[in-house]
C-alpha atoms as a PDB file:
ATOM      1  CA  UNK A   1       0.163   0.034  -0.131  1.00  0.00           C
ATOM      2  CA  UNK A   2       2.515   2.385   1.042  1.00  0.00           C
ATOM      3  CA  UNK A   3       3.988   1.576  -2.475  1.00  0.00           C
ATOM      4  CA  UNK A   4       0.935   3.401  -4.234  1.00  0.00           C
ATOM      5  CA  UNK A   5       0.826   6.189  -2.088  1.00  0.00           C
ATOM      6  CA  UNK A   6       4.302   6.927  -3.125  1.00  0.00           C
ATOM      7  CA  UNK A   7       3.504   6.529  -6.786  1.00  0.00           C
ATOM      8  CA  UNK A   8       0.766   8.231  -6.219  1.00  0.00           C
ATOM      9  CA  UNK A   9       1.968  11.500  -4.749  1.00  0.00           C
ATOM     10  CA  UNK A  10       5.093  10.943  -6.764  1.00  0.00           C
ATOM     11  CA  UNK A  11       3.073  11.074 -10.334  1.00  0.00           C
ATOM     12  CA  UNK A  12       0.890  14.132  -8.703  1.00  0.00           C
ATOM     13  CA  UNK A  13       3.977  15.810  -7.714  1.00  0.00           C
ATOM     14  CA  UNK A  14       5.613  15.458 -11.340  1.00  0.00           C
ATOM     15  CA  UNK A  15       2.183  17.018 -12.996  1.00  0.00           C
ATOM     16  CA  UNK A  16       1.794  19.702 -10.676  1.00  0.00           C
ATOM     17  CA  UNK A  17       5.261  20.747 -10.805  1.00  0.00           C
ATOM     18  CA  UNK A  18       4.907  20.323 -14.937  1.00  0.00           C
ATOM     19  CA  UNK A  19       1.864  22.996 -14.967  1.00  0.00           C
ATOM     20  CA  UNK A  20       3.668  25.464 -12.624  1.00  0.00           C
ATOM     21  CA  UNK A  21       6.874  25.618 -14.946  1.00  0.00           C
ATOM     22  CA  UNK A  22       4.523  25.750 -17.969  1.00  0.00           C
ATOM     23  CA  UNK A  23       2.480  28.503 -16.841  1.00  0.00           C
ATOM     24  CA  UNK A  24       6.192  30.280 -15.655  1.00  0.00           C
ATOM     25  CA  UNK A  25       7.508  30.069 -19.592  1.00  0.00           C
ATOM     26  CA  UNK A  26       4.219  30.522 -21.462  1.00  0.00           C
ATOM     27  CA  UNK A  27       2.877  33.626 -22.282  1.00  0.00           C
ATOM     28  CA  UNK A  28      -1.482  32.287 -22.021  1.00  0.00           C
ATOM     29  CA  UNK A  29      -1.413  33.943 -18.444  1.00  0.00           C
ATOM     30  CA  UNK A  30      -0.772  37.550 -19.802  1.00  0.00           C
ATOM     31  CA  UNK A  31      -2.979  37.155 -22.646  1.00  0.00           C
ATOM     32  CA  UNK A  32      -5.917  35.915 -20.605  1.00  0.00           C
ATOM     33  CA  UNK A  33      -5.028  38.500 -18.500  1.00  0.00           C
ATOM     34  CA  UNK A  34      -5.179  41.297 -21.343  1.00  0.00           C
ATOM     35  CA  UNK A  35      -8.257  39.737 -23.049  1.00  0.00           C
ATOM     36  CA  UNK A  36     -10.035  40.257 -19.787  1.00  0.00           C
ATOM     37  CA  UNK A  37      -8.516  44.122 -18.683  1.00  0.00           C
ATOM     38  CA  UNK A  38      -9.579  44.683 -22.738  1.00  0.00           C
ATOM     39  CA  UNK A  39     -12.883  43.463 -22.383  1.00  0.00           C
ATOM     40  CA  UNK A  40     -13.193  46.005 -19.189  1.00  0.00           C
ATOM     41  CA  UNK A  41     -11.841  48.607 -20.823  1.00  0.00           C
ATOM     42  CA  UNK A  42      -8.394  48.496 -19.378  1.00  0.00           C
ATOM     43  CA  UNK A  43      -6.864  48.848 -22.691  1.00  0.00           C
ATOM     44  CA  UNK A  44      -3.249  50.054 -21.709  1.00  0.00           C
ATOM     45  CA  UNK A  45      -3.393  47.653 -19.119  1.00  0.00           C
ATOM     46  CA  UNK A  46      -4.184  45.143 -21.932  1.00  0.00           C
ATOM     47  CA  UNK A  47      -1.271  46.418 -24.080  1.00  0.00           C
ATOM     48  CA  UNK A  48       1.510  46.104 -21.151  1.00  0.00           C
ATOM     49  CA  UNK A  49      -0.009  42.378 -20.786  1.00  0.00           C
ATOM     50  CA  UNK A  50       0.082  41.305 -24.234  1.00  0.00           C
ATOM     51  CA  UNK A  51       3.875  43.451 -24.471  1.00  0.00           C
ATOM     52  CA  UNK A  52       4.958  40.601 -21.614  1.00  0.00           C
ATOM     53  CA  UNK A  53       3.355  37.554 -23.754  1.00  0.00           C
ATOM     54  CA  UNK A  54       5.344  39.168 -26.489  1.00  0.00           C
ATOM     55  CA  UNK A  55       8.287  38.950 -25.017  1.00  0.00           C
ATOM     56  CA  UNK A  56       7.644  34.975 -24.091  1.00  0.00           C
ATOM     57  CA  UNK A  57       6.736  34.472 -27.798  1.00  0.00           C
ATOM     58  CA  UNK A  58       7.865  36.669 -30.044  1.00  0.00           C
ATOM     59  CA  UNK A  59       7.110  34.882 -33.005  1.00  0.00           C
ATOM     60  CA  UNK A  60       3.118  34.358 -31.994  1.00  0.00           C
ATOM     61  CA  UNK A  61       0.911  36.610 -34.802  1.00  0.00           C
ATOM     62  CA  UNK A  62      -1.882  36.044 -32.838  1.00  0.00           C
ATOM     63  CA  UNK A  63      -0.468  38.431 -29.523  1.00  0.00           C
ATOM     64  CA  UNK A  64       0.369  40.742 -32.558  1.00  0.00           C
ATOM     65  CA  UNK A  65      -3.009  40.847 -33.980  1.00  0.00           C
ATOM     66  CA  UNK A  66      -4.873  40.720 -30.122  1.00  0.00           C
ATOM     67  CA  UNK A  67      -2.636  44.188 -29.001  1.00  0.00           C
ATOM     68  CA  UNK A  68      -2.921  45.769 -32.387  1.00  0.00           C
ATOM     69  CA  UNK A  69      -6.756  45.404 -32.063  1.00  0.00           C
ATOM     70  CA  UNK A  70      -6.330  47.444 -28.486  1.00  0.00           C
ATOM     71  CA  UNK A  71      -4.036  50.167 -29.500  1.00  0.00           C
ATOM     72  CA  UNK A  72      -6.694  51.999 -31.605  1.00  0.00           C
ATOM     73  CA  UNK A  73      -8.000  52.750 -28.270  1.00  0.00           C
ATOM     74  CA  UNK A  74      -5.572  54.868 -26.956  1.00  0.00           C
ATOM     75  CA  UNK A  75      -5.095  56.225 -30.205  1.00  0.00           C
ATOM     76  CA  UNK A  76      -2.140  54.793 -30.810  1.00  0.00           C
ATOM     77  CA  UNK A  77      -2.829  54.332 -35.020  1.00  0.00           C
ATOM     78  CA  UNK A  78       0.859  54.330 -35.649  1.00  0.00           C
ATOM     79  CA  UNK A  79       1.603  51.272 -33.434  1.00  0.00           C
ATOM     80  CA  UNK A  80      -1.735  49.684 -34.852  1.00  0.00           C
ATOM     81  CA  UNK A  81       0.523  49.764 -38.237  1.00  0.00           C
ATOM     82  CA  UNK A  82       3.521  48.376 -36.849  1.00  0.00           C
ATOM     83  CA  UNK A  83       1.468  45.616 -35.282  1.00  0.00           C
ATOM     84  CA  UNK A  84      -0.115  44.565 -38.869  1.00  0.00           C
ATOM     85  CA  UNK A  85       3.632  44.261 -40.234  1.00  0.00           C
ATOM     86  CA  UNK A  86       5.153  41.548 -41.210  1.00  0.00           C
END
């Protein structure tokens, strides 16, 4: 019985640690936070979170799209164009 409990807790620990490491090294939490801020009208805060997401994954076009979508709300028309350039 002790072997099974040890195996269970070891497995649980590995899964939990993997999730924590993924969350720390992933842009997803910042994208989710930015989307919520944008929906609530906090466009400057959303753009800051999109910037953090871009730092994690600068090759992700989705984040640039979301940031470009938020920028007109703070009257950053040049930033919109820059985000849409390849």
